Amino acid sequence: MAFKILKFLILTAILVSLTPEVHAQNEFPNVTSRKWTTKYDQYFRKYTKRFFGAGFDWKWFKAQAIAESNLRQDAKSWVNAKGIMQIMPRTFHEIKKKNPSFVDINEPRWNIAAGIYYDRQLFRKWKAKRPLDDKMNFTFASYNAGFRNIVKAQNVCKKHGLNENLWHNIKRIAPRVRGWRHEETVGYVEKINVMME
């Protein structure tokens, strides 16, 4: 009897440990899933082409928008980030200086355009040679946590003799980086990657 109880407890613990991962995959199906609206796809296509070039996969940024807001144009975070791409008003104001046509942060078209433009600025900052997937992970992590936090993580990688230009190493040392809520950032990047699979 004690063996059956122990076996039941072990199986329960295994199932409970798997639940968050299964939940995340159910909550964030593939970016092309019918669960997600296609009504903003024209903007993701247009501004990806404008800021990243014609051959770049626009679905990266739709996946990011799903991770940010579930494509809700009225989304607003506790820190006042707004819209589909969860842009901070101050960031939008800076982006608008270089893109005067980006009229309103609350308008989906301009929110998406500003988010992709900002991604491009971050993408350019990651100059070291790395696979494209890693470069996208660094870009999205910077978008979520701030560029400086990811640079701090790179410095911790270097101290531990790891290649600081590979995302799996950043994830590995993330708990050792002070002042960075790494669980949120790593989870955010993971959601985007799950949707792009």
C-alpha atoms as a PDB file:
ATOM      1  CA  MET A   1       0.000   0.000   0.000  1.00  0.00           C
ATOM      2  CA  ALA A   2       2.783   2.457   0.899  1.00  0.00           C
ATOM      3  CA  PHE A   3       4.477   1.693  -2.436  1.00  0.00           C
ATOM      4  CA  LYS A   4       1.264   2.549  -4.358  1.00  0.00           C
ATOM      5  CA  ILE A   5       0.936   5.840  -2.464  1.00  0.00           C
ATOM      6  CA  LEU A   6       4.585   6.674  -3.136  1.00  0.00           C
ATOM      7  CA  LYS A   7       4.167   5.819  -6.825  1.00  0.00           C
ATOM      8  CA  PHE A   8       1.037   8.012  -7.004  1.00  0.00           C
ATOM      9  CA  LEU A   9       2.882  10.930  -5.350  1.00  0.00           C
ATOM     10  CA  ILE A  10       5.826  10.629  -7.736  1.00  0.00           C
ATOM     11  CA  LEU A  11       3.541  10.532 -10.804  1.00  0.00           C
ATOM     12  CA  THR A  12       1.578  13.520  -9.483  1.00  0.00           C
ATOM     13  CA  ALA A  13       4.802  15.493  -8.949  1.00  0.00           C
ATOM     14  CA  ILE A  14       5.932  14.700 -12.492  1.00  0.00           C
ATOM     15  CA  LEU A  15       2.594  15.810 -13.959  1.00  0.00           C
ATOM     16  CA  VAL A  16       2.581  19.006 -11.917  1.00  0.00           C
ATOM     17  CA  SER A  17       6.119  19.824 -13.059  1.00  0.00           C
ATOM     18  CA  LEU A  18       5.035  19.409 -16.698  1.00  0.00           C
ATOM     19  CA  THR A  19       1.893  21.525 -16.381  1.00  0.00           C
ATOM     20  CA  PRO A  20       3.443  25.019 -16.812  1.00  0.00           C
ATOM     21  CA  GLU A  21       5.186  24.022 -20.048  1.00  0.00           C
ATOM     22  CA  VAL A  22       2.055  22.396 -21.467  1.00  0.00           C
ATOM     23  CA  HIS A  23       0.004  25.428 -20.400  1.00  0.00           C
ATOM     24  CA  ALA A  24       2.451  27.809 -22.097  1.00  0.00           C
ATOM     25  CA  GLN A  25       2.268  25.880 -25.362  1.00  0.00           C
ATOM     26  CA  ASN A  26      -1.554  25.802 -25.239  1.00  0.00           C
ATOM     27  CA  GLU A  27      -1.724  29.491 -24.383  1.00  0.00           C
ATOM     28  CA  PHE A  28       0.725  30.432 -27.118  1.00  0.00           C
ATOM     29  CA  PRO A  29       0.089  28.243 -30.149  1.00  0.00           C
ATOM     30  CA  ASN A  30       1.983  28.760 -33.378  1.00  0.00           C
ATOM     31  CA  VAL A  31       1.904  32.333 -34.658  1.00  0.00           C
ATOM     32  CA  THR A  32      -0.078  31.230 -37.728  1.00  0.00           C
ATOM     33  CA  SER A  33      -2.741  29.506 -35.593  1.00  0.00           C
ATOM     34  CA  ARG A  34      -6.369  30.453 -36.205  1.00  0.00           C
ATOM     35  CA  LYS A  35      -6.496  31.447 -32.546  1.00  0.00           C
ATOM     36  CA  TRP A  36      -4.816  34.744 -33.441  1.00  0.00           C
ATOM     37  CA  THR A  37      -6.473  37.425 -35.520  1.00  0.00           C
ATOM     38  CA  THR A  38      -5.052  38.224 -38.935  1.00  0.00           C
ATOM     39  CA  LYS A  39      -6.441  41.752 -39.021  1.00  0.00           C
ATOM     40  CA  TYR A  40      -3.102  43.398 -38.204  1.00  0.00           C
ATOM     41  CA  ASP A  41      -0.979  41.191 -40.462  1.00  0.00           C
ATOM     42  CA  GLN A  42      -0.808  43.873 -43.165  1.00  0.00           C
ATOM     43  CA  TYR A  43       0.958  46.188 -40.703  1.00  0.00           C
ATOM     44  CA  PHE A  44       3.363  43.496 -39.506  1.00  0.00           C
ATOM     45  CA  ARG A  45       4.241  42.748 -43.149  1.00  0.00           C
ATOM     46  CA  LYS A  46       4.557  46.382 -44.204  1.00  0.00           C
ATOM     47  CA  TYR A  47       6.733  47.617 -41.334  1.00  0.00           C
ATOM     48  CA  THR A  48       8.888  44.497 -41.218  1.00  0.00           C
ATOM     49  CA  LYS A  49       9.654  45.058 -44.892  1.00  0.00           C
ATOM     50  CA  ARG A  50      10.319  48.769 -44.280  1.00  0.00           C
ATOM     51  CA  PHE A  51      12.646  48.344 -41.306  1.00  0.00           C
ATOM     52  CA  PHE A  52      14.149  44.863 -41.817  1.00  0.00           C
ATOM     53  CA  GLY A  53      13.961  44.297 -45.574  1.00  0.00           C
ATOM     54  CA  ALA A  54      11.799  42.346 -47.993  1.00  0.00           C
ATOM     55  CA  GLY A  55      13.029  38.858 -47.116  1.00  0.00           C
ATOM     56  CA  PHE A  56      12.659  39.141 -43.351  1.00  0.00           C
ATOM     57  CA  ASP A  57      10.013  36.961 -41.662  1.00  0.00           C
ATOM     58  CA  TRP A  58       7.328  39.349 -40.351  1.00  0.00           C
ATOM     59  CA  LYS A  59       5.890  36.614 -38.133  1.00  0.00           C
ATOM     60  CA  TRP A  60       8.682  37.256 -35.595  1.00  0.00           C
ATOM     61  CA  PHE A  61       7.033  40.567 -34.747  1.00  0.00           C
ATOM     62  CA  LYS A  62       3.514  39.195 -34.709  1.00  0.00           C
ATOM     63  CA  ALA A  63       4.722  36.554 -32.246  1.00  0.00           C
ATOM     64  CA  GLN A  64       6.271  39.329 -30.181  1.00  0.00           C
ATOM     65  CA  ALA A  65       2.984  41.268 -30.223  1.00  0.00           C
ATOM     66  CA  ILE A  66       1.115  38.166 -29.072  1.00  0.00           C
ATOM     67  CA  ALA A  67       3.599  37.769 -26.204  1.00  0.00           C
ATOM     68  CA  GLU A  68       3.199  41.461 -25.370  1.00  0.00           C
ATOM     69  CA  SER A  69      -0.574  41.933 -25.548  1.00  0.00           C
ATOM     70  CA  ASN A  70      -2.322  38.958 -27.183  1.00  0.00           C
ATOM     71  CA  LEU A  71      -2.856  41.440 -30.060  1.00  0.00           C
ATOM     72  CA  ARG A  72      -5.129  43.632 -27.935  1.00  0.00           C
ATOM     73  CA  GLN A  73      -4.995  47.252 -29.079  1.00  0.00           C
ATOM     74  CA  ASP A  74      -6.366  48.477 -25.723  1.00  0.00           C
ATOM     75  CA  ALA A  75      -3.735  46.650 -23.646  1.00  0.00           C
ATOM     76  CA  LYS A  76      -2.070  48.735 -20.952  1.00  0.00           C
ATOM     77  CA  SER A  77       0.555  47.494 -18.518  1.00  0.00           C
ATOM     78  CA  TRP A  78       1.141  48.430 -14.890  1.00  0.00           C
ATOM     79  CA  VAL A  79       4.065  50.625 -16.053  1.00  0.00           C
ATOM     80  CA  ASN A  80       1.833  52.367 -18.641  1.00  0.00           C
ATOM     81  CA  ALA A  81       3.122  50.560 -21.745  1.00  0.00           C
ATOM     82  CA  LYS A  82       0.403  50.788 -24.365  1.00  0.00           C
ATOM     83  CA  GLY A  83      -1.149  48.927 -27.236  1.00  0.00           C
ATOM     84  CA  ILE A  84      -0.380  45.839 -29.248  1.00  0.00           C
ATOM     85  CA  MET A  85       3.407  46.243 -28.954  1.00  0.00           C
ATOM     86  CA  GLN A  86       3.278  47.628 -25.394  1.00  0.00           C
ATOM     87  CA  ILE A  87       5.251  50.771 -26.193  1.00  0.00           C
ATOM     88  CA  MET A  88       6.094  53.187 -23.411  1.00  0.00           C
ATOM     89  CA  PRO A  89       4.788  56.708 -24.170  1.00  0.00           C
ATOM     90  CA  ARG A  90       8.281  58.194 -23.733  1.00  0.00           C
ATOM     91  CA  THR A  91       9.738  55.641 -26.151  1.00  0.00           C
ATOM     92  CA  PHE A  92       6.962  56.365 -28.656  1.00  0.00           C
ATOM     93  CA  HIS A  93       7.700  60.093 -28.358  1.00  0.00           C
ATOM     94  CA  GLU A  94      11.401  59.461 -29.188  1.00  0.00           C
ATOM     95  CA  ILE A  95      10.498  57.198 -32.110  1.00  0.00           C
ATOM     96  CA  LYS A  96       8.034  59.778 -33.435  1.00  0.00           C
ATOM     97  CA  LYS A  97      10.805  62.397 -33.648  1.00  0.00           C
ATOM     98  CA  LYS A  98      12.432  60.277 -36.373  1.00  0.00           C
ATOM     99  CA  ASN A  99       9.114  59.057 -37.810  1.00  0.00           C
ATOM    100  CA  PRO A 100       6.678  62.001 -37.705  1.00  0.00           C
ATOM    101  CA  SER A 101       4.028  59.995 -39.567  1.00  0.00           C
ATOM    102  CA  PHE A 102       3.610  57.728 -36.502  1.00  0.00           C
ATOM    103  CA  VAL A 103       0.669  59.765 -35.270  1.00  0.00           C
ATOM    104  CA  ASP A 104      -0.910  58.002 -32.273  1.00  0.00           C
ATOM    105  CA  ILE A 105       0.426  55.381 -29.859  1.00  0.00           C
ATOM    106  CA  ASN A 106      -3.110  54.023 -29.406  1.00  0.00           C
ATOM    107  CA  GLU A 107      -3.669  53.462 -33.128  1.00  0.00           C
ATOM    108  CA  PRO A 108      -2.712  49.814 -33.960  1.00  0.00           C
ATOM    109  CA  ARG A 109      -0.933  50.749 -37.188  1.00  0.00           C
ATOM    110  CA  TRP A 110       1.415  53.240 -35.526  1.00  0.00           C
ATOM    111  CA  ASN A 111       1.875  51.147 -32.403  1.00  0.00           C
ATOM    112  CA  ILE A 112       3.000  48.183 -34.518  1.00  0.00           C
ATOM    113  CA  ALA A 113       5.183  50.407 -36.721  1.00  0.00           C
ATOM    114  CA  ALA A 114       6.843  51.946 -33.651  1.00  0.00           C
ATOM    115  CA  GLY A 115       7.427  48.548 -32.060  1.00  0.00           C
ATOM    116  CA  ILE A 116       9.078  47.137 -35.181  1.00  0.00           C
ATOM    117  CA  TYR A 117      11.128  50.318 -35.648  1.00  0.00           C
ATOM    118  CA  TYR A 118      12.328  50.014 -32.042  1.00  0.00           C
ATOM    119  CA  ASP A 119      13.158  46.337 -32.630  1.00  0.00           C
ATOM    120  CA  ARG A 120      15.301  47.423 -35.582  1.00  0.00           C
ATOM    121  CA  GLN A 121      17.237  49.865 -33.403  1.00  0.00           C
ATOM    122  CA  LEU A 122      17.896  47.111 -30.861  1.00  0.00           C
ATOM    123  CA  PHE A 123      18.704  44.545 -33.570  1.00  0.00           C
ATOM    124  CA  ARG A 124      21.430  46.846 -34.911  1.00  0.00           C
ATOM    125  CA  LYS A 125      23.044  47.113 -31.485  1.00  0.00           C
ATOM    126  CA  TRP A 126      23.814  43.378 -31.398  1.00  0.00           C
ATOM    127  CA  LYS A 127      26.794  43.495 -33.772  1.00  0.00           C
ATOM    128  CA  ALA A 128      28.715  40.367 -32.748  1.00  0.00           C
ATOM    129  CA  LYS A 129      28.478  37.313 -34.974  1.00  0.00           C
ATOM    130  CA  ARG A 130      25.702  34.978 -33.859  1.00  0.00           C
ATOM    131  CA  PRO A 131      22.933  32.893 -35.469  1.00  0.00           C
ATOM    132  CA  LEU A 132      19.848  34.884 -36.543  1.00  0.00           C
ATOM    133  CA  ASP A 133      17.657  33.147 -33.945  1.00  0.00           C
ATOM    134  CA  ASP A 134      20.066  34.259 -31.216  1.00  0.00           C
ATOM    135  CA  LYS A 135      20.162  37.792 -32.602  1.00  0.00           C
ATOM    136  CA  MET A 136      16.354  37.872 -32.479  1.00  0.00           C
ATOM    137  CA  ASN A 137      16.410  36.522 -28.914  1.00  0.00           C
ATOM    138  CA  PHE A 138      18.821  39.276 -27.867  1.00  0.00           C
ATOM    139  CA  THR A 139      16.624  41.852 -29.618  1.00  0.00           C
ATOM    140  CA  PHE A 140      13.449  40.692 -27.888  1.00  0.00           C
ATOM    141  CA  ALA A 141      15.170  40.357 -24.523  1.00  0.00           C
ATOM    142  CA  SER A 142      16.397  43.951 -24.885  1.00  0.00           C
ATOM    143  CA  TYR A 143      12.895  45.095 -25.804  1.00  0.00           C
ATOM    144  CA  ASN A 144      11.544  43.438 -22.668  1.00  0.00           C
ATOM    145  CA  ALA A 145      14.282  44.068 -20.104  1.00  0.00           C
ATOM    146  CA  GLY A 146      16.287  46.936 -21.536  1.00  0.00           C
ATOM    147  CA  PHE A 147      19.529  46.770 -23.487  1.00  0.00           C
ATOM    148  CA  ARG A 148      21.720  47.406 -20.425  1.00  0.00           C
ATOM    149  CA  ASN A 149      20.363  44.400 -18.520  1.00  0.00           C
ATOM    150  CA  ILE A 150      21.288  42.083 -21.370  1.00  0.00           C
ATOM    151  CA  VAL A 151      24.754  43.653 -21.580  1.00  0.00           C
ATOM    152  CA  LYS A 152      25.119  43.005 -17.826  1.00  0.00           C
ATOM    153  CA  ALA A 153      24.174  39.383 -18.486  1.00  0.00           C
ATOM    154  CA  GLN A 154      26.849  39.212 -21.193  1.00  0.00           C
ATOM    155  CA  ASN A 155      29.437  40.476 -18.726  1.00  0.00           C
ATOM    156  CA  VAL A 156      28.474  37.750 -16.249  1.00  0.00           C
ATOM    157  CA  CYS A 157      28.816  35.194 -19.072  1.00  0.00           C
ATOM    158  CA  LYS A 158      32.342  36.410 -19.806  1.00  0.00           C
ATOM    159  CA  LYS A 159      33.303  36.114 -16.121  1.00  0.00           C
ATOM    160  CA  HIS A 160      32.191  32.475 -16.200  1.00  0.00           C
ATOM    161  CA  GLY A 161      34.054  31.683 -19.421  1.00  0.00           C
ATOM    162  CA  LEU A 162      30.905  31.346 -21.539  1.00  0.00           C
ATOM    163  CA  ASN A 163      30.264  32.723 -25.020  1.00  0.00           C
ATOM    164  CA  GLU A 164      28.256  35.856 -24.260  1.00  0.00           C
ATOM    165  CA  ASN A 165      26.803  35.997 -27.782  1.00  0.00           C
ATOM    166  CA  LEU A 166      24.692  32.844 -27.483  1.00  0.00           C
ATOM    167  CA  TRP A 167      21.251  33.076 -25.927  1.00  0.00           C
ATOM    168  CA  HIS A 168      21.384  29.691 -24.157  1.00  0.00           C
ATOM    169  CA  ASN A 169      24.382  30.988 -22.167  1.00  0.00           C
ATOM    170  CA  ILE A 170      22.509  34.155 -21.218  1.00  0.00           C
ATOM    171  CA  LYS A 171      19.618  32.002 -19.967  1.00  0.00           C
ATOM    172  CA  ARG A 172      22.053  29.848 -18.014  1.00  0.00           C
ATOM    173  CA  ILE A 173      23.597  32.724 -16.063  1.00  0.00           C
ATOM    174  CA  ALA A 174      20.418  34.851 -15.841  1.00  0.00           C
ATOM    175  CA  PRO A 175      19.779  34.116 -12.132  1.00  0.00           C
ATOM    176  CA  ARG A 176      23.224  35.563 -11.321  1.00  0.00           C
ATOM    177  CA  VAL A 177      22.526  38.966 -12.895  1.00  0.00           C
ATOM    178  CA  ARG A 178      21.616  41.555 -10.283  1.00  0.00           C
ATOM    179  CA  GLY A 179      18.709  43.913 -10.836  1.00  0.00           C
ATOM    180  CA  TRP A 180      17.179  41.960 -13.713  1.00  0.00           C
ATOM    181  CA  ARG A 181      13.818  40.184 -13.449  1.00  0.00           C
ATOM    182  CA  HIS A 182      15.185  37.440 -15.646  1.00  0.00           C
ATOM    183  CA  GLU A 183      12.271  34.997 -15.284  1.00  0.00           C
ATOM    184  CA  GLU A 184       9.965  37.434 -17.073  1.00  0.00           C
ATOM    185  CA  THR A 185      12.443  38.100 -19.893  1.00  0.00           C
ATOM    186  CA  VAL A 186      13.430  34.463 -20.424  1.00  0.00           C
ATOM    187  CA  GLY A 187       9.750  33.448 -20.406  1.00  0.00           C
ATOM    188  CA  TYR A 188       8.902  36.216 -22.865  1.00  0.00           C
ATOM    189  CA  VAL A 189      11.616  35.151 -25.321  1.00  0.00           C
ATOM    190  CA  GLU A 190      10.586  31.513 -24.912  1.00  0.00           C
ATOM    191  CA  LYS A 191       6.936  32.323 -25.759  1.00  0.00           C
ATOM    192  CA  ILE A 192       8.044  33.999 -28.976  1.00  0.00           C
ATOM    193  CA  ASN A 193      10.221  31.024 -29.915  1.00  0.00           C
ATOM    194  CA  VAL A 194       7.430  28.516 -29.167  1.00  0.00           C
ATOM    195  CA  MET A 195       5.088  30.414 -31.469  1.00  0.00           C
ATOM    196  CA  MET A 196       7.691  30.505 -34.249  1.00  0.00           C
ATOM    197  CA  GLU A 197       8.294  26.738 -34.212  1.00  0.00           C
END
